[in-house]
C-alpha atoms as a PDB file:
ATOM      1  CA  MET A   1      22.781  14.921   0.812  1.00  0.00           C
ATOM      2  CA  SER A   2      19.393  14.076  -0.698  1.00  0.00           C
ATOM      3  CA  ARG A   3      16.129  15.764   0.219  1.00  0.00           C
ATOM      4  CA  VAL A   4      13.234  13.339   0.684  1.00  0.00           C
ATOM      5  CA  LEU A   5       9.589  14.375   0.850  1.00  0.00           C
ATOM      6  CA  VAL A   6       6.904  11.938   1.999  1.00  0.00           C
ATOM      7  CA  LEU A   7       3.268  12.605   1.127  1.00  0.00           C
ATOM      8  CA  GLY A   8       0.938  11.175   3.745  1.00  0.00           C
ATOM      9  CA  ALA A   9       1.428   9.740   7.225  1.00  0.00           C
ATOM     10  CA  GLY A  10      -1.298   7.129   7.426  1.00  0.00           C
ATOM     11  CA  GLU A  11      -1.235   3.346   7.516  1.00  0.00           C
ATOM     12  CA  LEU A  12       1.715   3.175   5.110  1.00  0.00           C
ATOM     13  CA  GLY A  13       3.260   6.627   5.422  1.00  0.00           C
ATOM     14  CA  LEU A  14       4.132   6.251   9.096  1.00  0.00           C
ATOM     15  CA  PRO A  15       6.013   2.943   8.699  1.00  0.00           C
ATOM     16  CA  ILE A  16       7.910   4.401   5.740  1.00  0.00           C
ATOM     17  CA  LEU A  17       8.854   7.489   7.767  1.00  0.00           C
ATOM     18  CA  HIS A  18      10.011   5.292  10.658  1.00  0.00           C
ATOM     19  CA  SER A  19      12.115   3.101   8.375  1.00  0.00           C
ATOM     20  CA  LEU A  20      13.604   6.065   6.511  1.00  0.00           C
ATOM     21  CA  SER A  21      14.550   7.723   9.783  1.00  0.00           C
ATOM     22  CA  HIS A  22      16.086   4.539  11.183  1.00  0.00           C
ATOM     23  CA  LEU A  23      18.095   3.820   8.052  1.00  0.00           C
ATOM     24  CA  ALA A  24      19.219   7.449   7.714  1.00  0.00           C
ATOM     25  CA  SER A  25      20.475   7.518  11.310  1.00  0.00           C
ATOM     26  CA  ASN A  26      22.951   4.750  10.443  1.00  0.00           C
ATOM     27  CA  LEU A  27      24.504   6.737   7.580  1.00  0.00           C
ATOM     28  CA  PRO A  28      27.520   9.032   7.984  1.00  0.00           C
ATOM     29  CA  PHE A  29      26.296  12.458   9.089  1.00  0.00           C
ATOM     30  CA  SER A  30      27.451  14.115   5.856  1.00  0.00           C
ATOM     31  CA  SER A  31      25.420  11.608   3.822  1.00  0.00           C
ATOM     32  CA  ARG A  32      22.224  11.680   5.846  1.00  0.00           C
ATOM     33  CA  PRO A  33      19.186  12.800   3.854  1.00  0.00           C
ATOM     34  CA  THR A  34      16.704  15.343   5.101  1.00  0.00           C
ATOM     35  CA  ILE A  35      13.273  13.793   5.577  1.00  0.00           C
ATOM     36  CA  THR A  36      10.201  16.000   5.300  1.00  0.00           C
ATOM     37  CA  LEU A  37       6.506  15.189   5.635  1.00  0.00           C
ATOM     38  CA  LEU A  38       3.919  17.205   3.723  1.00  0.00           C
ATOM     39  CA  VAL A  39       1.178  18.129   6.193  1.00  0.00           C
ATOM     40  CA  CYS A  40      -2.103  19.976   5.698  1.00  0.00           C
ATOM     41  CA  PRO A  41      -1.746  23.520   7.123  1.00  0.00           C
ATOM     42  CA  SER A  42      -4.774  23.099   9.388  1.00  0.00           C
ATOM     43  CA  THR A  43      -3.225  19.980  10.896  1.00  0.00           C
ATOM     44  CA  LEU A  44      -0.061  21.883  11.766  1.00  0.00           C
ATOM     45  CA  SER A  45      -1.862  24.934  13.150  1.00  0.00           C
ATOM     46  CA  SER A  46      -4.498  23.147  15.247  1.00  0.00           C
ATOM     47  CA  PRO A  47      -3.753  19.425  15.548  1.00  0.00           C
ATOM     48  CA  SER A  48      -5.934  17.082  17.581  1.00  0.00           C
ATOM     49  CA  PRO A  49      -4.295  15.665  20.731  1.00  0.00           C
ATOM     50  CA  SER A  50      -3.498  12.371  18.976  1.00  0.00           C
ATOM     51  CA  LYS A  51      -2.135  14.146  15.902  1.00  0.00           C
ATOM     52  CA  SER A  52      -0.082  16.454  18.109  1.00  0.00           C
ATOM     53  CA  ARG A  53       1.549  13.424  19.760  1.00  0.00           C
ATOM     54  CA  GLU A  54       2.215  11.898  16.343  1.00  0.00           C
ATOM     55  CA  LEU A  55       3.852  15.064  15.017  1.00  0.00           C
ATOM     56  CA  SER A  56       5.963  15.369  18.159  1.00  0.00           C
ATOM     57  CA  HIS A  57       7.111  11.772  17.738  1.00  0.00           C
ATOM     58  CA  LEU A  58       8.066  12.433  14.120  1.00  0.00           C
ATOM     59  CA  ARG A  59      10.029  15.539  15.140  1.00  0.00           C
ATOM     60  CA  ASP A  60      11.941  13.363  17.572  1.00  0.00           C
ATOM     61  CA  LEU A  61      12.815  11.100  14.632  1.00  0.00           C
ATOM     62  CA  GLY A  62      14.261  14.081  12.770  1.00  0.00           C
ATOM     63  CA  VAL A  63      11.340  14.592  10.392  1.00  0.00           C
ATOM     64  CA  SER A  64      10.588  18.145   9.267  1.00  0.00           C
ATOM     65  CA  PHE A  65       7.212  19.406   8.047  1.00  0.00           C
ATOM     66  CA  LEU A  66       6.045  21.224   4.940  1.00  0.00           C
ATOM     67  CA  ALA A  67       2.603  22.842   5.073  1.00  0.00           C
ATOM     68  CA  ALA A  68       0.603  22.278   1.882  1.00  0.00           C
ATOM     69  CA  ASP A  69      -2.841  20.992   0.979  1.00  0.00           C
ATOM     70  CA  ILE A  70      -2.904  18.393  -1.808  1.00  0.00           C
ATOM     71  CA  ALA A  71      -6.697  18.493  -2.046  1.00  0.00           C
ATOM     72  CA  THR A  72      -7.022  22.225  -2.713  1.00  0.00           C
ATOM     73  CA  SER A  73      -3.778  22.823  -4.621  1.00  0.00           C
ATOM     74  CA  ASN A  74      -3.464  22.407  -8.372  1.00  0.00           C
ATOM     75  CA  ALA A  75      -0.539  20.678 -10.045  1.00  0.00           C
ATOM     76  CA  MET A  76       1.445  23.877 -10.614  1.00  0.00           C
ATOM     77  CA  GLU A  77       1.041  24.961  -6.993  1.00  0.00           C
ATOM     78  CA  LEU A  78       2.202  21.542  -5.798  1.00  0.00           C
ATOM     79  CA  ALA A  79       5.131  21.654  -8.219  1.00  0.00           C
ATOM     80  CA  SER A  80       6.332  24.894  -6.626  1.00  0.00           C
ATOM     81  CA  ASN A  81       6.685  22.971  -3.347  1.00  0.00           C
ATOM     82  CA  PHE A  82       7.990  19.762  -4.878  1.00  0.00           C
ATOM     83  CA  LYS A  83      10.855  21.441  -6.764  1.00  0.00           C
ATOM     84  CA  HIS A  84      12.844  21.757  -3.531  1.00  0.00           C
ATOM     85  CA  PHE A  85      13.139  17.959  -3.162  1.00  0.00           C
ATOM     86  CA  ASP A  86      15.166  15.251  -4.874  1.00  0.00           C
ATOM     87  CA  ILE A  87      12.969  12.259  -3.957  1.00  0.00           C
ATOM     88  CA  ILE A  88       9.224  12.114  -3.339  1.00  0.00           C
ATOM     89  CA  VAL A  89       7.396   9.107  -1.889  1.00  0.00           C
ATOM     90  CA  SER A  90       3.615   9.249  -2.202  1.00  0.00           C
ATOM     91  CA  CYS A  91       1.681   7.516   0.577  1.00  0.00           C
ATOM     92  CA  THR A  92      -1.570   9.386   0.066  1.00  0.00           C
ATOM     93  CA  GLY A  93      -3.698   6.350  -0.750  1.00  0.00           C
ATOM     94  CA  PHE A  94      -7.011   6.813  -2.512  1.00  0.00           C
ATOM     95  CA  ALA A  95      -8.495   9.093   0.157  1.00  0.00           C
ATOM     96  CA  GLY A  96      -7.860  12.179  -1.960  1.00  0.00           C
ATOM     97  CA  GLY A  97     -10.452  11.069  -4.473  1.00  0.00           C
ATOM     98  CA  PRO A  98     -10.356  10.617  -8.264  1.00  0.00           C
ATOM     99  CA  GLY A  99      -7.657  12.564 -10.083  1.00  0.00           C
ATOM    100  CA  THR A 100      -5.339  12.992  -7.093  1.00  0.00           C
ATOM    101  CA  GLN A 101      -2.713  10.489  -8.217  1.00  0.00           C
ATOM    102  CA  LEU A 102      -2.539  11.953 -11.713  1.00  0.00           C
ATOM    103  CA  LYS A 103      -2.308  15.483 -10.293  1.00  0.00           C
ATOM    104  CA  LEU A 104       0.586  14.439  -8.088  1.00  0.00           C
ATOM    105  CA  ALA A 105       2.392  12.737 -10.972  1.00  0.00           C
ATOM    106  CA  HIS A 106       1.997  15.824 -13.169  1.00  0.00           C
ATOM    107  CA  ALA A 107       3.262  18.045 -10.334  1.00  0.00           C
ATOM    108  CA  VAL A 108       6.305  15.837  -9.713  1.00  0.00           C
ATOM    109  CA  CYS A 109       7.265  15.839 -13.384  1.00  0.00           C
ATOM    110  CA  GLU A 110       6.643  19.579 -13.731  1.00  0.00           C
ATOM    111  CA  ALA A 111       8.889  20.212 -10.711  1.00  0.00           C
ATOM    112  CA  GLY A 112      11.705  18.153 -12.185  1.00  0.00           C
ATOM    113  CA  VAL A 113      11.960  15.898  -9.123  1.00  0.00           C
ATOM    114  CA  ALA A 114      14.823  13.454  -9.647  1.00  0.00           C
ATOM    115  CA  HIS A 115      13.085  10.301  -8.386  1.00  0.00           C
ATOM    116  CA  TYR A 116       9.423   9.538  -7.691  1.00  0.00           C
ATOM    117  CA  TYR A 117       7.804   6.653  -5.824  1.00  0.00           C
ATOM    118  CA  PRO A 118       4.106   6.983  -6.695  1.00  0.00           C
ATOM    119  CA  TRP A 119       1.171   5.526  -4.800  1.00  0.00           C
ATOM    120  CA  GLN A 120       1.187   2.207  -6.641  1.00  0.00           C
ATOM    121  CA  PHE A 121       1.557   0.022  -3.556  1.00  0.00           C
ATOM    122  CA  GLY A 122      -0.828  -2.693  -4.632  1.00  0.00           C
ATOM    123  CA  VAL A 123      -1.415  -5.184  -7.407  1.00  0.00           C
ATOM    124  CA  ASP A 124       0.183  -5.446 -10.855  1.00  0.00           C
ATOM    125  CA  TYR A 125      -1.717  -2.802 -12.809  1.00  0.00           C
ATOM    126  CA  ASP A 126       0.170  -3.621 -16.020  1.00  0.00           C
ATOM    127  CA  ILE A 127      -1.410  -7.088 -16.081  1.00  0.00           C
ATOM    128  CA  ILE A 128      -4.794  -5.980 -14.759  1.00  0.00           C
ATOM    129  CA  GLY A 129      -5.183  -3.061 -17.166  1.00  0.00           C
ATOM    130  CA  PRO A 130      -7.459  -0.007 -17.019  1.00  0.00           C
ATOM    131  CA  ASP A 131     -10.776  -1.729 -17.766  1.00  0.00           C
ATOM    132  CA  ALA A 132     -10.880  -4.513 -15.169  1.00  0.00           C
ATOM    133  CA  ALA A 133     -13.660  -4.463 -12.557  1.00  0.00           C
ATOM    134  CA  ASN A 134     -15.440  -1.412 -14.001  1.00  0.00           C
ATOM    135  CA  GLY A 135     -12.195   0.515 -14.385  1.00  0.00           C
ATOM    136  CA  ILE A 136     -11.283   0.535 -10.703  1.00  0.00           C
ATOM    137  CA  PHE A 137      -7.589   1.099 -11.482  1.00  0.00           C
ATOM    138  CA  GLN A 138      -7.875   3.239 -14.600  1.00  0.00           C
ATOM    139  CA  GLU A 139      -6.151   6.196 -12.930  1.00  0.00           C
ATOM    140  CA  GLN A 140      -3.304   3.998 -11.679  1.00  0.00           C
ATOM    141  CA  CYS A 141      -2.693   2.840 -15.244  1.00  0.00           C
ATOM    142  CA  GLU A 142      -2.777   6.462 -16.435  1.00  0.00           C
ATOM    143  CA  VAL A 143      -0.085   7.355 -13.900  1.00  0.00           C
ATOM    144  CA  ARG A 144       2.144   4.597 -15.268  1.00  0.00           C
ATOM    145  CA  ARG A 145       1.607   5.802 -18.811  1.00  0.00           C
ATOM    146  CA  LEU A 146       2.480   9.370 -17.809  1.00  0.00           C
ATOM    147  CA  LEU A 147       5.695   8.355 -16.040  1.00  0.00           C
ATOM    148  CA  ARG A 148       6.794   6.096 -18.868  1.00  0.00           C
ATOM    149  CA  GLY A 149       6.154   8.855 -21.387  1.00  0.00           C
ATOM    150  CA  GLN A 150       8.716  11.256 -19.914  1.00  0.00           C
ATOM    151  CA  GLU A 151      12.448  11.073 -19.227  1.00  0.00           C
ATOM    152  CA  LYS A 152      13.136  13.875 -16.754  1.00  0.00           C
ATOM    153  CA  THR A 153      12.014  12.104 -13.570  1.00  0.00           C
ATOM    154  CA  LYS A 154      13.156   8.610 -12.663  1.00  0.00           C
ATOM    155  CA  TRP A 155      10.491   6.491 -11.016  1.00  0.00           C
ATOM    156  CA  THR A 156      10.120   3.297  -9.045  1.00  0.00           C
ATOM    157  CA  ILE A 157       6.829   1.471  -8.596  1.00  0.00           C
ATOM    158  CA  VAL A 158       6.631  -0.943  -5.659  1.00  0.00           C
ATOM    159  CA  SER A 159       3.995  -3.637  -6.185  1.00  0.00           C
ATOM    160  CA  THR A 160       3.114  -5.035  -2.782  1.00  0.00           C
ATOM    161  CA  GLY A 161      -0.125  -6.918  -3.253  1.00  0.00           C
ATOM    162  CA  MET A 162      -2.864  -6.337  -0.728  1.00  0.00           C
ATOM    163  CA  PHE A 163      -2.142  -5.054   2.766  1.00  0.00           C
ATOM    164  CA  THR A 164      -2.173  -8.215   4.886  1.00  0.00           C
ATOM    165  CA  SER A 165      -4.752  -6.837   7.309  1.00  0.00           C
ATOM    166  CA  PHE A 166      -7.198  -6.138   4.465  1.00  0.00           C
ATOM    167  CA  LEU A 167      -7.389  -9.842   3.601  1.00  0.00           C
ATOM    168  CA  ILE A 168      -8.933 -10.765   6.946  1.00  0.00           C
ATOM    169  CA  GLU A 169     -11.060  -7.674   7.530  1.00  0.00           C
ATOM    170  CA  ALA A 170     -14.708  -8.719   7.860  1.00  0.00           C
ATOM    171  CA  PHE A 171     -15.932  -6.031   5.449  1.00  0.00           C
ATOM    172  CA  PHE A 172     -13.908  -7.569   2.617  1.00  0.00           C
ATOM    173  CA  GLY A 173     -15.898 -10.768   3.058  1.00  0.00           C
ATOM    174  CA  VAL A 174     -13.106 -13.356   2.810  1.00  0.00           C
ATOM    175  CA  VAL A 175     -12.779 -14.032   6.553  1.00  0.00           C
ATOM    176  CA  GLU A 176     -15.833 -13.391   8.717  1.00  0.00           C
ATOM    177  CA  GLY A 177     -16.396 -14.052  12.413  1.00  0.00           C
ATOM    178  CA  LEU A 178     -12.737 -14.262  13.394  1.00  0.00           C
ATOM    179  CA  GLU A 179     -13.007 -11.704  16.193  1.00  0.00           C
ATOM    180  CA  THR A 180     -15.776 -13.620  17.989  1.00  0.00           C
ATOM    181  CA  ALA A 181     -14.543 -17.158  17.313  1.00  0.00           C
ATOM    182  CA  GLY A 182     -13.464 -17.626  20.917  1.00  0.00           C
ATOM    183  CA  GLY A 183     -17.057 -17.236  22.071  1.00  0.00           C
ATOM    184  CA  GLY A 184     -18.259 -20.109  19.945  1.00  0.00           C
ATOM    185  CA  GLY A 185     -19.268 -18.048  16.935  1.00  0.00           C
ATOM    186  CA  GLU A 186     -18.987 -19.444  13.433  1.00  0.00           C
ATOM    187  CA  VAL A 187     -16.031 -18.446  11.268  1.00  0.00           C
ATOM    188  CA  VAL A 188     -16.552 -18.389   7.514  1.00  0.00           C
ATOM    189  CA  VAL A 189     -13.776 -18.300   4.912  1.00  0.00           C
ATOM    190  CA  THR A 190     -14.880 -17.439   1.390  1.00  0.00           C
ATOM    191  CA  ALA A 191     -12.749 -18.069  -1.683  1.00  0.00           C
ATOM    192  CA  LEU A 192     -12.894 -15.419  -4.396  1.00  0.00           C
ATOM    193  CA  GLY A 193     -13.216 -17.325  -7.672  1.00  0.00           C
ATOM    194  CA  SER A 194     -11.824 -20.653  -6.476  1.00  0.00           C
ATOM    195  CA  TRP A 195      -9.876 -22.233  -3.632  1.00  0.00           C
ATOM    196  CA  GLU A 196      -6.817 -22.401  -5.893  1.00  0.00           C
ATOM    197  CA  ASN A 197      -6.763 -18.659  -6.609  1.00  0.00           C
ATOM    198  CA  LYS A 198      -3.848 -16.925  -4.893  1.00  0.00           C
ATOM    199  CA  VAL A 199      -3.280 -13.475  -3.442  1.00  0.00           C
ATOM    200  CA  THR A 200      -0.064 -11.707  -2.463  1.00  0.00           C
ATOM    201  CA  VAL A 201      -0.066  -9.710   0.774  1.00  0.00           C
ATOM    202  CA  THR A 202       2.485  -7.537   2.588  1.00  0.00           C
ATOM    203  CA  THR A 203       2.279  -5.608   5.870  1.00  0.00           C
ATOM    204  CA  PRO A 204       2.864  -1.830   5.846  1.00  0.00           C
ATOM    205  CA  GLU A 205       5.821  -2.321   8.195  1.00  0.00           C
ATOM    206  CA  ASP A 206       7.528  -4.667   5.726  1.00  0.00           C
ATOM    207  CA  ILE A 207       6.746  -2.314   2.844  1.00  0.00           C
ATOM    208  CA  GLY A 208       8.348   0.489   4.849  1.00  0.00           C
ATOM    209  CA  ARG A 209      11.578  -1.439   5.260  1.00  0.00           C
ATOM    210  CA  VAL A 210      11.747  -2.250   1.550  1.00  0.00           C
ATOM    211  CA  VAL A 211      10.905   1.272   0.398  1.00  0.00           C
ATOM    212  CA  SER A 212      13.450   2.886   2.722  1.00  0.00           C
ATOM    213  CA  ARG A 213      16.215   0.695   1.276  1.00  0.00           C
ATOM    214  CA  LEU A 214      15.110   1.452  -2.259  1.00  0.00           C
ATOM    215  CA  VAL A 215      15.111   5.194  -1.531  1.00  0.00           C
ATOM    216  CA  LEU A 216      18.363   5.472   0.416  1.00  0.00           C
ATOM    217  CA  GLU A 217      20.497   2.573  -0.838  1.00  0.00           C
ATOM    218  CA  ASP A 218      19.365   0.813  -3.996  1.00  0.00           C
ATOM    219  CA  GLN A 219      17.507   3.427  -6.087  1.00  0.00           C
ATOM    220  CA  ARG A 220      16.694   1.032  -8.910  1.00  0.00           C
ATOM    221  CA  THR A 221      14.008   2.169 -11.315  1.00  0.00           C
ATOM    222  CA  GLY A 222      10.997   0.525 -12.929  1.00  0.00           C
ATOM    223  CA  VAL A 223       8.540  -1.873 -11.330  1.00  0.00           C
ATOM    224  CA  VAL A 224       9.683  -3.998  -8.388  1.00  0.00           C
ATOM    225  CA  PHE A 225       7.744  -6.495  -6.280  1.00  0.00           C
ATOM    226  CA  THR A 226       7.466  -7.292  -2.587  1.00  0.00           C
ATOM    227  CA  ALA A 227       5.592 -10.110  -0.855  1.00  0.00           C
ATOM    228  CA  GLY A 228       5.126 -10.905   2.781  1.00  0.00           C
ATOM    229  CA  ASP A 229       3.288 -14.020   1.644  1.00  0.00           C
ATOM    230  CA  THR A 230       1.444 -15.469  -1.323  1.00  0.00           C
ATOM    231  CA  VAL A 231      -1.376 -17.824  -0.344  1.00  0.00           C
ATOM    232  CA  SER A 232      -4.297 -19.583  -1.947  1.00  0.00           C
ATOM    233  CA  TYR A 233      -7.712 -19.172  -0.370  1.00  0.00           C
ATOM    234  CA  GLY A 234      -7.568 -22.842   0.529  1.00  0.00           C
ATOM    235  CA  ARG A 235      -4.318 -22.298   2.415  1.00  0.00           C
ATOM    236  CA  LEU A 236      -5.814 -19.232   4.090  1.00  0.00           C
ATOM    237  CA  ALA A 237      -8.728 -21.342   5.375  1.00  0.00           C
ATOM    238  CA  ASP A 238      -6.242 -23.875   6.774  1.00  0.00           C
ATOM    239  CA  LEU A 239      -4.304 -21.115   8.536  1.00  0.00           C
ATOM    240  CA  VAL A 240      -7.457 -19.633  10.057  1.00  0.00           C
ATOM    241  CA  GLU A 241      -8.479 -23.087  11.325  1.00  0.00           C
ATOM    242  CA  ALA A 242      -5.062 -23.515  12.916  1.00  0.00           C
ATOM    243  CA  LYS A 243      -5.426 -20.087  14.522  1.00  0.00           C
ATOM    244  CA  ILE A 244      -8.851 -20.688  16.114  1.00  0.00           C
ATOM    245  CA  GLY A 245      -8.463 -24.426  16.762  1.00  0.00           C
ATOM    246  CA  LYS A 246     -11.647 -25.484  15.010  1.00  0.00           C
ATOM    247  CA  LYS A 247     -13.112 -25.948  11.560  1.00  0.00           C
ATOM    248  CA  VAL A 248     -14.331 -23.003   9.536  1.00  0.00           C
ATOM    249  CA  ARG A 249     -17.253 -23.018   7.157  1.00  0.00           C
ATOM    250  CA  ARG A 250     -15.909 -22.799   3.618  1.00  0.00           C
ATOM    251  CA  LYS A 251     -17.720 -21.351   0.632  1.00  0.00           C
ATOM    252  CA  VAL A 252     -16.844 -20.039  -2.817  1.00  0.00           C
ATOM    253  CA  TRP A 253     -18.040 -16.897  -4.546  1.00  0.00           C
ATOM    254  CA  SER A 254     -17.685 -17.643  -8.240  1.00  0.00           C
ATOM    255  CA  LEU A 255     -16.586 -14.964 -10.662  1.00  0.00           C
ATOM    256  CA  ASP A 256     -20.031 -15.028 -12.330  1.00  0.00           C
ATOM    257  CA  PHE A 257     -21.699 -14.527  -8.942  1.00  0.00           C
ATOM    258  CA  LEU A 258     -19.440 -11.596  -8.077  1.00  0.00           C
ATOM    259  CA  ARG A 259     -19.881  -9.979 -11.494  1.00  0.00           C
ATOM    260  CA  ALA A 260     -23.655 -10.167 -11.068  1.00  0.00           C
ATOM    261  CA  LYS A 261     -23.363  -8.521  -7.657  1.00  0.00           C
ATOM    262  CA  LEU A 262     -21.208  -5.760  -9.137  1.00  0.00           C
ATOM    263  CA  GLU A 263     -23.569  -5.240 -12.051  1.00  0.00           C
ATOM    264  CA  ALA A 264     -26.365  -4.595  -9.562  1.00  0.00           C
ATOM    265  CA  ASP A 265     -24.198  -2.140  -7.607  1.00  0.00           C
ATOM    266  CA  PRO A 266     -21.619  -0.868 -10.122  1.00  0.00           C
ATOM    267  CA  GLU A 267     -20.071   1.890  -7.967  1.00  0.00           C
ATOM    268  CA  ASN A 268     -19.395  -0.305  -4.939  1.00  0.00           C
ATOM    269  CA  GLN A 269     -15.627  -0.319  -4.435  1.00  0.00           C
ATOM    270  CA  ILE A 270     -15.504  -3.488  -2.333  1.00  0.00           C
ATOM    271  CA  LYS A 271     -17.483  -5.405  -4.959  1.00  0.00           C
ATOM    272  CA  LYS A 272     -15.040  -4.162  -7.595  1.00  0.00           C
ATOM    273  CA  TYR A 273     -12.134  -5.461  -5.515  1.00  0.00           C
ATOM    274  CA  ARG A 274     -13.803  -8.836  -5.026  1.00  0.00           C
ATOM    275  CA  CYS A 275     -14.285  -9.239  -8.780  1.00  0.00           C
ATOM    276  CA  LEU A 276     -10.697  -8.251  -9.426  1.00  0.00           C
ATOM    277  CA  PHE A 277      -9.274 -10.790  -7.010  1.00  0.00           C
ATOM    278  CA  ALA A 278     -11.663 -13.485  -8.205  1.00  0.00           C
ATOM    279  CA  GLU A 279     -10.294 -13.033 -11.724  1.00  0.00           C
ATOM    280  CA  GLY A 280      -6.902 -13.938 -10.252  1.00  0.00           C
ATOM    281  CA  LYS A 281      -4.778 -11.971 -12.737  1.00  0.00           C
ATOM    282  CA  GLY A 282      -2.030  -9.648 -11.549  1.00  0.00           C
ATOM    283  CA  VAL A 283      -2.858 -10.126  -7.867  1.00  0.00           C
ATOM    284  CA  SER A 284      -0.191 -12.678  -6.894  1.00  0.00           C
ATOM    285  CA  TRP A 285       3.457 -13.465  -7.594  1.00  0.00           C
ATOM    286  CA  ASP A 286       6.196 -15.759  -6.340  1.00  0.00           C
ATOM    287  CA  ARG A 287       7.901 -14.451  -3.218  1.00  0.00           C
ATOM    288  CA  ALA A 288      11.243 -15.672  -4.600  1.00  0.00           C
ATOM    289  CA  SER A 289      11.048 -12.985  -7.311  1.00  0.00           C
ATOM    290  CA  THR A 290      10.725 -10.087  -4.848  1.00  0.00           C
ATOM    291  CA  VAL A 291      13.250  -7.547  -3.623  1.00  0.00           C
ATOM    292  CA  ASN A 292      12.666  -8.592  -0.022  1.00  0.00           C
ATOM    293  CA  ALA A 293      13.719 -12.130  -0.951  1.00  0.00           C
ATOM    294  CA  GLU A 294      16.724 -10.761  -2.844  1.00  0.00           C
ATOM    295  CA  TRP A 295      17.802  -8.838   0.258  1.00  0.00           C
ATOM    296  CA  ASN A 296      16.895 -11.658   2.675  1.00  0.00           C
ATOM    297  CA  ILE A 297      14.491  -9.423   4.557  1.00  0.00           C
ATOM    298  CA  LYS A 298      12.362 -11.513   6.891  1.00  0.00           C
ATOM    299  CA  THR A 299       8.742 -10.544   6.360  1.00  0.00           C
ATOM    300  CA  THR A 300       5.506 -11.329   8.149  1.00  0.00           C
ATOM    301  CA  ASP A 301       3.574 -14.115   6.449  1.00  0.00           C
ATOM    302  CA  VAL A 302      -0.146 -14.794   6.951  1.00  0.00           C
ATOM    303  CA  HIS A 303       0.541 -17.314   9.698  1.00  0.00           C
ATOM    304  CA  GLY A 304       2.678 -14.791  11.567  1.00  0.00           C
ATOM    305  CA  PHE A 305       0.120 -12.028  11.087  1.00  0.00           C
ATOM    306  CA  LEU A 306      -2.708 -14.186  12.441  1.00  0.00           C
ATOM    307  CA  SER A 307      -0.532 -15.200  15.389  1.00  0.00           C
ATOM    308  CA  SER A 308       0.120 -11.563  16.217  1.00  0.00           C
ATOM    309  CA  LYS A 309      -3.620 -10.857  16.465  1.00  0.00           C
ATOM    310  CA  GLY A 310      -3.953 -12.613  19.813  1.00  0.00           C
ATOM    311  CA  SER A 311      -6.755 -14.954  20.838  1.00  0.00           C
ATOM    312  CA  PRO A 312     -10.236 -14.226  19.471  1.00  0.00           C
ATOM    313  CA  SER A 313     -12.825 -13.178  22.031  1.00  0.00           C
END
């Protein structure tokens, strides 16, 4: 019986916990893993009403809780908690601030955890490298170097591309005006770099289903890929037009334009992301090469995601 610890219960952590619980419930009782969520002590002692409902729901799924604070604990303190688990899945995101992912990786290795799934649910950092877009993913590359430089802990990195929802969020700047299109407002679709540039996207729910199978059934190591869809910006504009039933205004932000914007505001994370995706390297891959395709898992493509959003107001 394996002992699984999940770090974080946010946009990705919750779907992973749900999928792990569902998959575990179908295993013979003697083979079912224990599933534990690391929770900040203050959250356990005095949760908000919404958090209290969430924790109660997770208890009903068979999830246990471990009180620990990633932000205030050092690597050795975290390792003392991690050593009681066989598998750790990190869903902490970047909210913990710079250095968090490296601290977690050091703690996992120090604890001698058998298998680690780090927070690398994104683009292909091996291709992108540590210096792209003002070093936005330098720490992610450092985590890979650390894991590859040791032999005690097995690891699996799941490259998922962008969360599908992020692609159409107005703040990202690729799709603007979608929410008010039904009222006659203009919808603008902006290509990053060129209309031919492509981006891979996956929903958290689909990532959860893939990760749970990797953790409980497959357990392969190294870097694997998922993809709900891989689309060009031109195809995205077509899909948005089909969704709203009218033409969108199309424009292109060239890589030179985006680099100039970033140079004027070098610490802006969104502008770093835009430059990265405009470069078009390491941000897309063929869906046929993914583990979800290998397992014939039906995933939500961009068309399906847009359809699920309902009619714009």
